Amino acid sequence: MANEGWPGETVAEGVSRLPFALAVNTPEVLLLLNGANDLLGNPSSSTTEYNASKLRDMVRTAKGDARRSLRRVPARRKTAHRR
């Protein structure tokens, strides 16, 4: 199991990070939760939709036979890690 999640990440940031995460992990199941934080920054919906489609394409063409699930979750603001 690998957790490659970054709290507060936008779809555009996910587009730049996902190729590396897919290259170093060979998951049996891939759960991608991305997009809700874009609502906090109020980007244009067309930009978010475009980047989300890029993420979907990356996941669909990822190596391996991973079962894939793409979902939305509530937005979370970027915060410093607490101990």
N, C-alpha and C. Protein backbone atom coordinates (compact mmCIF):
# COMPACT_ATOMS: atom_id res chain seq x y z
N MET A 1 0.84 -1.17 0.00
CA MET A 1 0.00 0.00 0.00
C MET A 1 0.89 1.24 0.00
N ALA A 2 0.50 2.20 -0.80
CA ALA A 2 1.22 3.46 -0.86
C ALA A 2 0.21 4.59 -0.76
N ASN A 3 0.47 5.54 0.10
CA ASN A 3 -0.38 6.71 0.22
C ASN A 3 0.38 7.88 -0.39
N GLU A 4 -0.04 8.29 -1.55
CA GLU A 4 0.63 9.39 -2.25
C GLU A 4 -0.16 10.69 -2.13
N GLY A 5 -1.12 10.74 -1.21
CA GLY A 5 -1.97 11.91 -1.07
C GLY A 5 -1.28 13.10 -0.44
N TRP A 6 -1.64 14.28 -0.90
CA TRP A 6 -1.14 15.54 -0.35
C TRP A 6 -2.35 16.39 0.02
N PRO A 7 -2.58 16.65 1.30
CA PRO A 7 -3.73 17.48 1.69
C PRO A 7 -3.66 18.86 1.04
N GLY A 8 -4.78 19.31 0.54
CA GLY A 8 -4.84 20.64 -0.06
C GLY A 8 -4.43 20.71 -1.51
N GLU A 9 -4.09 19.59 -2.11
CA GLU A 9 -3.62 19.58 -3.49
C GLU A 9 -4.75 19.91 -4.46
N THR A 10 -4.42 20.65 -5.51
CA THR A 10 -5.38 20.94 -6.57
C THR A 10 -5.21 19.92 -7.69
N VAL A 11 -6.16 19.92 -8.61
CA VAL A 11 -6.08 19.00 -9.75
C VAL A 11 -4.83 19.27 -10.57
N ALA A 12 -4.49 20.54 -10.79
CA ALA A 12 -3.29 20.88 -11.58
C ALA A 12 -2.03 20.32 -10.91
N GLU A 13 -1.96 20.41 -9.59
CA GLU A 13 -0.81 19.84 -8.89
C GLU A 13 -0.80 18.32 -9.02
N GLY A 14 -1.96 17.72 -8.98
CA GLY A 14 -2.06 16.27 -9.16
C GLY A 14 -1.60 15.83 -10.54
N VAL A 15 -1.92 16.62 -11.55
CA VAL A 15 -1.49 16.31 -12.92
C VAL A 15 0.04 16.27 -13.00
N SER A 16 0.70 17.18 -12.29
CA SER A 16 2.16 17.20 -12.35
C SER A 16 2.79 16.09 -11.50
N ARG A 17 2.09 15.62 -10.47
CA ARG A 17 2.65 14.61 -9.56
C ARG A 17 2.29 13.17 -9.91
N LEU A 18 1.13 12.95 -10.52
CA LEU A 18 0.63 11.60 -10.75
C LEU A 18 1.56 10.72 -11.59
N PRO A 19 2.18 11.21 -12.65
CA PRO A 19 3.04 10.32 -13.43
C PRO A 19 4.15 9.67 -12.60
N PHE A 20 4.77 10.44 -11.71
CA PHE A 20 5.82 9.87 -10.86
C PHE A 20 5.23 8.84 -9.89
N ALA A 21 4.10 9.17 -9.28
CA ALA A 21 3.47 8.25 -8.33
C ALA A 21 3.11 6.93 -9.01
N LEU A 22 2.63 7.00 -10.25
CA LEU A 22 2.29 5.78 -10.98
C LEU A 22 3.53 5.02 -11.41
N ALA A 23 4.63 5.72 -11.64
CA ALA A 23 5.87 5.08 -12.08
C ALA A 23 6.53 4.30 -10.95
N VAL A 24 6.42 4.77 -9.71
CA VAL A 24 7.11 4.12 -8.60
C VAL A 24 6.23 3.14 -7.83
N ASN A 25 4.95 3.12 -8.11
CA ASN A 25 4.02 2.20 -7.44
C ASN A 25 3.34 1.32 -8.47
N THR A 26 3.07 0.09 -8.09
CA THR A 26 2.31 -0.82 -8.94
C THR A 26 1.11 -1.31 -8.13
N PRO A 27 0.07 -0.49 -8.04
CA PRO A 27 -1.04 -0.83 -7.16
C PRO A 27 -1.97 -1.89 -7.75
N GLU A 28 -2.58 -2.67 -6.85
CA GLU A 28 -3.64 -3.57 -7.27
C GLU A 28 -4.95 -2.80 -7.36
N VAL A 29 -5.07 -1.79 -6.50
CA VAL A 29 -6.24 -0.92 -6.50
C VAL A 29 -5.73 0.52 -6.47
N LEU A 30 -6.31 1.36 -7.29
CA LEU A 30 -5.93 2.77 -7.34
C LEU A 30 -7.16 3.60 -7.02
N LEU A 31 -7.09 4.33 -5.93
CA LEU A 31 -8.18 5.22 -5.52
C LEU A 31 -7.67 6.64 -5.64
N LEU A 32 -8.23 7.40 -6.55
CA LEU A 32 -7.80 8.77 -6.79
C LEU A 32 -8.89 9.71 -6.29
N LEU A 33 -8.56 10.48 -5.26
CA LEU A 33 -9.50 11.45 -4.69
C LEU A 33 -8.91 12.83 -4.95
N ASN A 34 -9.47 13.53 -5.90
CA ASN A 34 -8.88 14.80 -6.29
C ASN A 34 -9.96 15.72 -6.84
N GLY A 35 -9.80 17.02 -6.65
CA GLY A 35 -10.68 17.99 -7.28
C GLY A 35 -11.43 18.92 -6.36
N ALA A 36 -11.72 18.49 -5.14
CA ALA A 36 -12.53 19.32 -4.25
C ALA A 36 -11.80 20.60 -3.85
N ASN A 37 -10.48 20.55 -3.69
CA ASN A 37 -9.74 21.73 -3.27
C ASN A 37 -9.74 22.82 -4.33
N ASP A 38 -9.99 22.47 -5.57
CA ASP A 38 -10.08 23.48 -6.62
C ASP A 38 -11.24 24.43 -6.38
N LEU A 39 -12.26 23.95 -5.71
CA LEU A 39 -13.41 24.81 -5.43
C LEU A 39 -13.05 25.93 -4.46
N LEU A 40 -12.08 25.69 -3.59
CA LEU A 40 -11.66 26.72 -2.63
C LEU A 40 -10.92 27.86 -3.31
N GLY A 41 -10.14 27.55 -4.34
CA GLY A 41 -9.37 28.58 -5.05
C GLY A 41 -10.16 29.25 -6.14
N ASN A 42 -11.35 28.74 -6.43
CA ASN A 42 -12.26 29.30 -7.42
C ASN A 42 -11.66 29.42 -8.82
N PRO A 43 -11.00 28.36 -9.32
CA PRO A 43 -10.53 28.41 -10.70
C PRO A 43 -11.70 28.24 -11.66
N SER A 44 -11.47 28.53 -12.91
CA SER A 44 -12.55 28.33 -13.88
C SER A 44 -12.90 26.86 -13.96
N SER A 45 -14.15 26.57 -14.11
CA SER A 45 -14.57 25.17 -14.17
C SER A 45 -13.99 24.48 -15.40
N SER A 46 -13.77 25.20 -16.48
CA SER A 46 -13.22 24.57 -17.68
C SER A 46 -11.77 24.13 -17.44
N THR A 47 -11.00 24.91 -16.69
CA THR A 47 -9.62 24.53 -16.38
C THR A 47 -9.60 23.30 -15.48
N THR A 48 -10.44 23.29 -14.47
CA THR A 48 -10.51 22.14 -13.57
C THR A 48 -10.97 20.90 -14.32
N GLU A 49 -11.97 21.03 -15.15
CA GLU A 49 -12.47 19.89 -15.94
C GLU A 49 -11.38 19.37 -16.88
N TYR A 50 -10.65 20.27 -17.51
CA TYR A 50 -9.57 19.85 -18.41
C TYR A 50 -8.51 19.06 -17.65
N ASN A 51 -8.07 19.60 -16.49
CA ASN A 51 -7.05 18.91 -15.71
C ASN A 51 -7.56 17.59 -15.16
N ALA A 52 -8.82 17.55 -14.76
CA ALA A 52 -9.41 16.30 -14.27
C ALA A 52 -9.44 15.25 -15.38
N SER A 53 -9.71 15.67 -16.61
CA SER A 53 -9.72 14.72 -17.72
C SER A 53 -8.30 14.19 -17.98
N LYS A 54 -7.29 15.03 -17.77
CA LYS A 54 -5.90 14.58 -17.91
C LYS A 54 -5.58 13.52 -16.85
N LEU A 55 -6.04 13.75 -15.61
CA LEU A 55 -5.84 12.75 -14.55
C LEU A 55 -6.52 11.43 -14.91
N ARG A 56 -7.76 11.51 -15.36
CA ARG A 56 -8.49 10.29 -15.75
C ARG A 56 -7.74 9.54 -16.83
N ASP A 57 -7.24 10.25 -17.83
CA ASP A 57 -6.50 9.60 -18.91
C ASP A 57 -5.23 8.92 -18.39
N MET A 58 -4.52 9.60 -17.47
CA MET A 58 -3.31 9.00 -16.90
C MET A 58 -3.63 7.72 -16.15
N VAL A 59 -4.70 7.75 -15.39
CA VAL A 59 -5.09 6.57 -14.61
C VAL A 59 -5.51 5.43 -15.53
N ARG A 60 -6.27 5.75 -16.55
CA ARG A 60 -6.75 4.72 -17.48
C ARG A 60 -5.62 4.05 -18.26
N THR A 61 -4.56 4.81 -18.53
CA THR A 61 -3.46 4.25 -19.31
C THR A 61 -2.29 3.79 -18.44
N ALA A 62 -2.48 3.82 -17.12
CA ALA A 62 -1.42 3.40 -16.19
C ALA A 62 -1.09 1.93 -16.41
N LYS A 63 0.19 1.62 -16.20
CA LYS A 63 0.62 0.24 -16.35
C LYS A 63 -0.04 -0.64 -15.29
N GLY A 64 -0.12 -1.90 -15.58
CA GLY A 64 -0.66 -2.84 -14.61
C GLY A 64 -2.16 -3.03 -14.77
N ASP A 65 -2.68 -3.92 -13.94
CA ASP A 65 -4.09 -4.28 -13.99
C ASP A 65 -4.84 -3.76 -12.78
N ALA A 66 -4.46 -2.61 -12.28
CA ALA A 66 -5.08 -2.07 -11.08
C ALA A 66 -6.55 -1.77 -11.31
N ARG A 67 -7.35 -2.11 -10.30
CA ARG A 67 -8.74 -1.65 -10.31
C ARG A 67 -8.69 -0.18 -9.97
N ARG A 68 -9.50 0.61 -10.65
CA ARG A 68 -9.42 2.06 -10.49
C ARG A 68 -10.75 2.62 -10.01
N SER A 69 -10.67 3.62 -9.17
CA SER A 69 -11.86 4.32 -8.70
C SER A 69 -11.52 5.80 -8.60
N LEU A 70 -12.31 6.63 -9.24
CA LEU A 70 -12.09 8.08 -9.20
C LEU A 70 -13.27 8.70 -8.47
N ARG A 71 -13.00 9.45 -7.41
CA ARG A 71 -14.05 10.02 -6.59
C ARG A 71 -13.72 11.44 -6.16
N ARG A 72 -14.74 12.15 -5.71
CA ARG A 72 -14.55 13.48 -5.13
C ARG A 72 -14.77 13.39 -3.63
N VAL A 73 -14.00 14.18 -2.90
CA VAL A 73 -14.14 14.26 -1.45
C VAL A 73 -14.25 15.73 -1.05
N PRO A 74 -14.71 16.02 0.16
CA PRO A 74 -14.81 17.42 0.59
C PRO A 74 -13.45 18.12 0.55
N ALA A 75 -13.47 19.41 0.30
CA ALA A 75 -12.24 20.20 0.21
C ALA A 75 -11.57 20.32 1.57
N ARG A 76 -10.26 20.42 1.54
CA ARG A 76 -9.47 20.62 2.76
C ARG A 76 -8.43 21.68 2.48
N ARG A 77 -8.37 22.66 3.32
CA ARG A 77 -7.39 23.74 3.13
C ARG A 77 -6.00 23.24 3.48
N LYS A 78 -5.00 23.80 2.81
CA LYS A 78 -3.61 23.45 3.12
C LYS A 78 -3.28 23.95 4.52
N THR A 79 -2.73 23.08 5.33
CA THR A 79 -2.34 23.47 6.69
C THR A 79 -1.00 22.86 7.01
N ALA A 80 -0.33 23.43 7.99
CA ALA A 80 0.93 22.86 8.46
C ALA A 80 0.63 21.55 9.18
N HIS A 81 1.56 20.60 9.11
CA HIS A 81 1.37 19.34 9.81
C HIS A 81 1.39 19.58 11.31
N ARG A 82 0.45 18.95 12.00
CA ARG A 82 0.38 19.07 13.46
C ARG A 82 0.91 17.82 14.10
N ARG A 83 1.45 17.96 15.29
CA ARG A 83 1.94 16.80 16.04
C ARG A 83 1.08 16.61 17.26
